[in-house]
C-alpha atoms as a PDB file:
ATOM      1  CA  MET A   1      91.181  73.918  17.689  1.00  0.00           C
ATOM      2  CA  GLN A   2      93.659  72.592  19.916  1.00  0.00           C
ATOM      3  CA  GLY A   3      93.483  70.751  23.283  1.00  0.00           C
ATOM      4  CA  GLY A   4      96.510  71.418  25.516  1.00  0.00           C
ATOM      5  CA  GLY A   5      98.535  70.598  28.587  1.00  0.00           C
ATOM      6  CA  ASP A   6     100.230  72.710  31.604  1.00  0.00           C
ATOM      7  CA  ASP A   7     102.067  75.106  29.348  1.00  0.00           C
ATOM      8  CA  LEU A   8     100.340  78.440  28.369  1.00  0.00           C
ATOM      9  CA  ASP A   9     101.707  80.641  26.212  1.00  0.00           C
ATOM     10  CA  VAL A  10     100.120  83.604  27.263  1.00  0.00           C
ATOM     11  CA  GLU A  11     101.288  87.302  27.564  1.00  0.00           C
ATOM     12  CA  GLN A  12     100.854  89.148  30.921  1.00  0.00           C
ATOM     13  CA  GLY A  13      97.945  91.570  30.960  1.00  0.00           C
ATOM     14  CA  HIS A  14      96.493  89.991  27.660  1.00  0.00           C
ATOM     15  CA  VAL A  15      93.316  88.032  26.866  1.00  0.00           C
ATOM     16  CA  PRO A  16      93.645  84.768  24.907  1.00  0.00           C
ATOM     17  CA  LEU A  17      91.361  84.861  22.316  1.00  0.00           C
ATOM     18  CA  ALA A  18      92.739  82.854  19.202  1.00  0.00           C
ATOM     19  CA  ILE A  19      92.392  79.155  19.172  1.00  0.00           C
ATOM     20  CA  GLY A  20      95.713  77.448  20.212  1.00  0.00           C
ATOM     21  CA  GLY A  21      96.723  80.578  22.556  1.00  0.00           C
ATOM     22  CA  ALA A  22      97.409  83.500  20.402  1.00  0.00           C
ATOM     23  CA  ALA A  23      96.854  86.903  22.559  1.00  0.00           C
ATOM     24  CA  VAL A  24      95.048  90.055  21.326  1.00  0.00           C
ATOM     25  CA  GLY A  25      93.727  93.136  23.119  1.00  0.00           C
ATOM     26  CA  PRO A  26      94.581  93.922  27.128  1.00  0.00           C
ATOM     27  CA  ALA A  27      92.371  92.341  29.647  1.00  0.00           C
ATOM     28  CA  GLU A  28      91.428  95.562  31.055  1.00  0.00           C
ATOM     29  CA  GLU A  29      89.668  96.917  27.878  1.00  0.00           C
ATOM     30  CA  LYS A  30      87.811  93.481  27.427  1.00  0.00           C
ATOM     31  CA  PRO A  31      87.411  91.206  30.256  1.00  0.00           C
ATOM     32  CA  SER A  32      87.783  87.750  29.701  1.00  0.00           C
ATOM     33  CA  TYR A  33      85.846  84.747  31.667  1.00  0.00           C
ATOM     34  CA  ASP A  34      87.742  81.757  31.536  1.00  0.00           C
ATOM     35  CA  CYS A  35      85.477  78.459  32.467  1.00  0.00           C
ATOM     36  CA  PHE A  36      86.867  75.692  34.628  1.00  0.00           C
ATOM     37  CA  LEU A  37      85.455  72.481  34.940  1.00  0.00           C
ATOM     38  CA  GLU A  38      86.724  71.318  38.244  1.00  0.00           C
ATOM     39  CA  ARG A  39      87.315  67.626  38.889  1.00  0.00           C
ATOM     40  CA  HIS A  40      84.205  65.246  39.801  1.00  0.00           C
ATOM     41  CA  ARG A  41      85.953  63.749  42.435  1.00  0.00           C
ATOM     42  CA  ALA A  42      88.609  65.582  44.432  1.00  0.00           C
ATOM     43  CA  GLY A  43      89.546  65.340  48.075  1.00  0.00           C
ATOM     44  CA  ASP A  44      90.318  69.193  48.345  1.00  0.00           C
ATOM     45  CA  GLY A  45      89.167  71.812  45.807  1.00  0.00           C
ATOM     46  CA  ALA A  46      92.237  73.630  46.765  1.00  0.00           C
ATOM     47  CA  SER A  47      94.747  71.186  45.339  1.00  0.00           C
ATOM     48  CA  SER A  48      93.166  69.638  42.489  1.00  0.00           C
ATOM     49  CA  VAL A  49      94.290  70.199  38.684  1.00  0.00           C
ATOM     50  CA  GLY A  50      91.505  72.627  38.244  1.00  0.00           C
ATOM     51  CA  ALA A  51      92.665  74.800  41.392  1.00  0.00           C
ATOM     52  CA  VAL A  52      96.248  75.284  39.969  1.00  0.00           C
ATOM     53  CA  TYR A  53      95.053  76.440  36.526  1.00  0.00           C
ATOM     54  CA  ALA A  54      92.703  78.727  38.138  1.00  0.00           C
ATOM     55  CA  ASP A  55      95.401  80.273  40.372  1.00  0.00           C
ATOM     56  CA  ARG A  56      97.780  80.585  37.483  1.00  0.00           C
ATOM     57  CA  LEU A  57      95.515  82.255  35.154  1.00  0.00           C
ATOM     58  CA  ALA A  58      94.329  84.451  37.656  1.00  0.00           C
ATOM     59  CA  LYS A  59      97.554  85.850  38.575  1.00  0.00           C
ATOM     60  CA  ARG A  60      97.954  86.121  34.823  1.00  0.00           C
ATOM     61  CA  GLY A  61      94.919  88.616  34.617  1.00  0.00           C
ATOM     62  CA  TYR A  62      92.127  86.261  33.803  1.00  0.00           C
ATOM     63  CA  ASP A  63      88.263  86.648  35.313  1.00  0.00           C
ATOM     64  CA  LEU A  64      87.059  83.164  35.998  1.00  0.00           C
ATOM     65  CA  ILE A  65      83.989  80.819  36.389  1.00  0.00           C
ATOM     66  CA  LEU A  66      84.771  78.170  38.369  1.00  0.00           C
ATOM     67  CA  VAL A  67      82.537  74.816  38.060  1.00  0.00           C
ATOM     68  CA  ALA A  68      82.242  72.154  40.503  1.00  0.00           C
ATOM     69  CA  ARG A  69      79.877  70.141  42.771  1.00  0.00           C
ATOM     70  CA  ASN A  70      80.919  71.555  46.103  1.00  0.00           C
ATOM     71  CA  GLN A  71      79.723  75.074  46.517  1.00  0.00           C
ATOM     72  CA  ASP A  72      81.407  75.608  49.870  1.00  0.00           C
ATOM     73  CA  ARG A  73      84.850  74.471  48.313  1.00  0.00           C
ATOM     74  CA  LEU A  74      84.052  76.381  45.196  1.00  0.00           C
ATOM     75  CA  ALA A  75      83.526  79.738  47.169  1.00  0.00           C
ATOM     76  CA  ARG A  76      86.824  79.209  49.380  1.00  0.00           C
ATOM     77  CA  LEU A  77      88.613  78.781  46.239  1.00  0.00           C
ATOM     78  CA  ALA A  78      86.679  81.542  44.623  1.00  0.00           C
ATOM     79  CA  GLN A  79      87.653  84.140  47.718  1.00  0.00           C
ATOM     80  CA  ARG A  80      91.255  83.153  47.715  1.00  0.00           C
ATOM     81  CA  LEU A  81      91.643  84.119  44.250  1.00  0.00           C
ATOM     82  CA  ARG A  82      89.869  87.344  44.399  1.00  0.00           C
ATOM     83  CA  THR A  83      91.993  88.131  47.260  1.00  0.00           C
ATOM     84  CA  GLY A  84      95.418  86.994  45.648  1.00  0.00           C
ATOM     85  CA  ALA A  85      94.976  88.093  42.279  1.00  0.00           C
ATOM     86  CA  GLY A  86      92.445  90.646  42.383  1.00  0.00           C
ATOM     87  CA  ARG A  87      90.200  89.425  39.794  1.00  0.00           C
ATOM     88  CA  ALA A  88      86.746  88.676  39.110  1.00  0.00           C
ATOM     89  CA  VAL A  89      85.357  84.955  39.978  1.00  0.00           C
ATOM     90  CA  GLU A  90      82.262  83.637  39.629  1.00  0.00           C
ATOM     91  CA  THR A  91      81.056  79.946  40.855  1.00  0.00           C
ATOM     92  CA  ILE A  92      78.561  77.721  39.364  1.00  0.00           C
ATOM     93  CA  ALA A  93      77.516  74.644  41.573  1.00  0.00           C
ATOM     94  CA  ALA A  94      76.914  71.771  38.998  1.00  0.00           C
ATOM     95  CA  ASP A  95      77.243  68.178  38.792  1.00  0.00           C
ATOM     96  CA  LEU A  96      78.411  67.484  35.169  1.00  0.00           C
ATOM     97  CA  GLY A  97      77.385  64.032  35.617  1.00  0.00           C
ATOM     98  CA  ASP A  98      73.963  65.162  36.020  1.00  0.00           C
ATOM     99  CA  LYS A  99      71.977  65.887  32.748  1.00  0.00           C
ATOM    100  CA  GLU A 100      70.134  69.029  34.061  1.00  0.00           C
ATOM    101  CA  ASP A 101      73.278  70.713  35.810  1.00  0.00           C
ATOM    102  CA  ARG A 102      75.280  70.110  32.604  1.00  0.00           C
ATOM    103  CA  ALA A 103      72.673  71.582  30.555  1.00  0.00           C
ATOM    104  CA  ARG A 104      72.951  74.708  32.448  1.00  0.00           C
ATOM    105  CA  VAL A 105      76.791  74.781  31.945  1.00  0.00           C
ATOM    106  CA  GLU A 106      76.279  74.111  28.539  1.00  0.00           C
ATOM    107  CA  THR A 107      73.832  77.166  27.972  1.00  0.00           C
ATOM    108  CA  ARG A 108      76.457  79.164  29.816  1.00  0.00           C
ATOM    109  CA  LEU A 109      78.942  78.309  27.654  1.00  0.00           C
ATOM    110  CA  ARG A 110      76.966  78.543  24.347  1.00  0.00           C
ATOM    111  CA  THR A 111      75.795  81.876  24.999  1.00  0.00           C
ATOM    112  CA  ASP A 112      78.293  83.976  27.055  1.00  0.00           C
ATOM    113  CA  PRO A 113      80.683  86.122  24.496  1.00  0.00           C
ATOM    114  CA  ARG A 114      83.204  86.753  27.339  1.00  0.00           C
ATOM    115  CA  ILE A 115      84.081  83.049  27.835  1.00  0.00           C
ATOM    116  CA  THR A 116      87.525  83.047  25.872  1.00  0.00           C
ATOM    117  CA  LEU A 117      88.978  79.825  27.415  1.00  0.00           C
ATOM    118  CA  LEU A 118      87.250  76.570  28.328  1.00  0.00           C
ATOM    119  CA  VAL A 119      89.538  74.224  30.654  1.00  0.00           C
ATOM    120  CA  ASN A 120      87.798  70.517  30.476  1.00  0.00           C
ATOM    121  CA  ASN A 121      88.962  69.307  33.784  1.00  0.00           C
ATOM    122  CA  ALA A 122      85.785  67.474  35.066  1.00  0.00           C
ATOM    123  CA  GLY A 123      86.742  63.649  35.268  1.00  0.00           C
ATOM    124  CA  ALA A 124      86.239  60.553  37.376  1.00  0.00           C
ATOM    125  CA  GLY A 125      88.729  57.596  38.198  1.00  0.00           C
ATOM    126  CA  ALA A 126      88.224  53.845  38.524  1.00  0.00           C
ATOM    127  CA  THR A 127      91.045  51.706  40.251  1.00  0.00           C
ATOM    128  CA  GLN A 128      89.371  48.442  40.659  1.00  0.00           C
ATOM    129  CA  PRO A 129      89.685  45.586  38.071  1.00  0.00           C
ATOM    130  CA  LEU A 130      87.515  45.498  35.104  1.00  0.00           C
ATOM    131  CA  LEU A 131      85.682  42.393  36.548  1.00  0.00           C
ATOM    132  CA  GLU A 132      85.423  43.873  40.192  1.00  0.00           C
ATOM    133  CA  ALA A 133      83.967  47.393  39.063  1.00  0.00           C
ATOM    134  CA  ASP A 134      80.387  48.108  39.441  1.00  0.00           C
ATOM    135  CA  VAL A 135      79.133  48.558  35.924  1.00  0.00           C
ATOM    136  CA  GLU A 136      76.656  51.113  36.801  1.00  0.00           C
ATOM    137  CA  LYS A 137      79.652  53.509  38.372  1.00  0.00           C
ATOM    138  CA  VAL A 138      81.873  52.792  35.298  1.00  0.00           C
ATOM    139  CA  ASP A 139      79.159  53.916  32.544  1.00  0.00           C
ATOM    140  CA  ALA A 140      78.678  57.085  34.909  1.00  0.00           C
ATOM    141  CA  MET A 141      82.263  57.705  34.760  1.00  0.00           C
ATOM    142  CA  ILE A 142      82.276  57.255  30.702  1.00  0.00           C
ATOM    143  CA  GLN A 143      79.355  59.784  30.521  1.00  0.00           C
ATOM    144  CA  LEU A 144      81.483  62.145  32.645  1.00  0.00           C
ATOM    145  CA  ASN A 145      84.857  61.663  31.334  1.00  0.00           C
ATOM    146  CA  VAL A 146      83.732  61.324  27.669  1.00  0.00           C
ATOM    147  CA  GLY A 147      80.056  62.520  27.454  1.00  0.00           C
ATOM    148  CA  ALA A 148      80.427  65.749  29.543  1.00  0.00           C
ATOM    149  CA  LEU A 149      83.687  66.746  27.606  1.00  0.00           C
ATOM    150  CA  THR A 150      82.444  66.137  24.454  1.00  0.00           C
ATOM    151  CA  ARG A 151      78.978  68.087  24.937  1.00  0.00           C
ATOM    152  CA  LEU A 152      80.939  70.942  26.984  1.00  0.00           C
ATOM    153  CA  THR A 153      83.307  71.282  23.864  1.00  0.00           C
ATOM    154  CA  TYR A 154      80.257  71.398  21.217  1.00  0.00           C
ATOM    155  CA  ALA A 155      78.608  74.269  23.401  1.00  0.00           C
ATOM    156  CA  VAL A 156      81.483  76.528  23.722  1.00  0.00           C
ATOM    157  CA  ALA A 157      83.346  75.723  20.066  1.00  0.00           C
ATOM    158  CA  PRO A 158      80.619  77.477  17.642  1.00  0.00           C
ATOM    159  CA  GLY A 159      80.983  80.600  19.556  1.00  0.00           C
ATOM    160  CA  PHE A 160      84.753  80.442  19.435  1.00  0.00           C
ATOM    161  CA  VAL A 161      84.623  79.900  15.634  1.00  0.00           C
ATOM    162  CA  ALA A 162      82.028  82.390  14.953  1.00  0.00           C
ATOM    163  CA  ARG A 163      84.175  85.150  16.957  1.00  0.00           C
ATOM    164  CA  GLY A 164      87.475  83.760  15.313  1.00  0.00           C
ATOM    165  CA  ASP A 165      89.034  83.452  18.665  1.00  0.00           C
ATOM    166  CA  GLY A 166      89.028  80.983  21.683  1.00  0.00           C
ATOM    167  CA  THR A 167      91.081  78.284  23.279  1.00  0.00           C
ATOM    168  CA  ILE A 168      90.065  74.747  24.741  1.00  0.00           C
ATOM    169  CA  ILE A 169      92.344  72.831  27.102  1.00  0.00           C
ATOM    170  CA  ASN A 170      91.529  69.164  27.552  1.00  0.00           C
ATOM    171  CA  ILE A 171      93.089  67.350  30.817  1.00  0.00           C
ATOM    172  CA  ALA A 172      93.906  63.972  29.723  1.00  0.00           C
ATOM    173  CA  SER A 173      96.059  61.583  32.026  1.00  0.00           C
ATOM    174  CA  ILE A 174      99.406  59.236  31.492  1.00  0.00           C
ATOM    175  CA  VAL A 175      96.855  56.087  31.784  1.00  0.00           C
ATOM    176  CA  ALA A 176      95.646  57.321  28.442  1.00  0.00           C
ATOM    177  CA  ILE A 177      98.645  55.516  26.932  1.00  0.00           C
ATOM    178  CA  SER A 178      99.522  53.178  29.993  1.00  0.00           C
ATOM    179  CA  PRO A 179      95.915  51.700  30.605  1.00  0.00           C
ATOM    180  CA  GLU A 180      97.298  48.796  32.573  1.00  0.00           C
ATOM    181  CA  ARG A 181      97.868  51.005  35.270  1.00  0.00           C
ATOM    182  CA  LEU A 182      94.297  51.619  36.215  1.00  0.00           C
ATOM    183  CA  ASN A 183      91.016  50.150  35.371  1.00  0.00           C
ATOM    184  CA  GLY A 184      91.188  49.634  31.471  1.00  0.00           C
ATOM    185  CA  VAL A 185      87.928  51.490  30.746  1.00  0.00           C
ATOM    186  CA  TYR A 186      89.053  54.856  32.719  1.00  0.00           C
ATOM    187  CA  GLY A 187      92.259  54.766  30.631  1.00  0.00           C
ATOM    188  CA  GLY A 188      90.133  54.379  27.633  1.00  0.00           C
ATOM    189  CA  THR A 189      88.134  57.154  28.624  1.00  0.00           C
ATOM    190  CA  LYS A 190      91.526  59.255  28.760  1.00  0.00           C
ATOM    191  CA  ALA A 191      92.689  58.356  25.496  1.00  0.00           C
ATOM    192  CA  PHE A 192      89.297  59.473  23.830  1.00  0.00           C
ATOM    193  CA  VAL A 193      90.706  63.162  24.864  1.00  0.00           C
ATOM    194  CA  TRP A 194      93.663  63.368  22.735  1.00  0.00           C
ATOM    195  CA  PRO A 195      92.504  62.623  19.551  1.00  0.00           C
ATOM    196  CA  SER A 196      89.230  64.531  20.091  1.00  0.00           C
ATOM    197  CA  ALA A 197      90.951  67.806  21.233  1.00  0.00           C
ATOM    198  CA  ARG A 198      93.575  67.526  17.996  1.00  0.00           C
ATOM    199  CA  ALA A 199      90.521  66.734  15.730  1.00  0.00           C
ATOM    200  CA  ALA A 200      88.434  69.693  16.682  1.00  0.00           C
END
């Protein structure tokens, strides 16, 4: 199972089913539902990394499930994608830092065989120096950036393996290899993403 970055090798009109990005079967015959986990903190959902992925894949023929805390922002993005790409777009309002909300998303990932691709994009940042940062907020960041990513991966991966197909894309950050740029703990949470994706 591979994590990835911005480049997606997906044939137009096809559904990516194999881990790593192989494509089989036209989307018209077997709808694909791709779950995007929106950034935990975002000024505008329309300009976030998750929204860019959603826009690109909707235009390539994917149906989508968008997950974020802000239902109004999700609804606006979903409507824009439906209108612009003509795809089915579902929204789930959930705070992935909240145990009950996260469990709802885990259940969906675990039980919906239409989901063929997961973009793990949820994340919170920290810019204050380590000794000035609120330890409770830092702990919440760790739970989101590391804990949520891990749990959602564990929720969806067994189904992908059982069906023989599926793709997981984990979004990291340059601070994973340059932790001095921001709070070191934040860099550590992003460094976690790389080996965990490669080991899956």
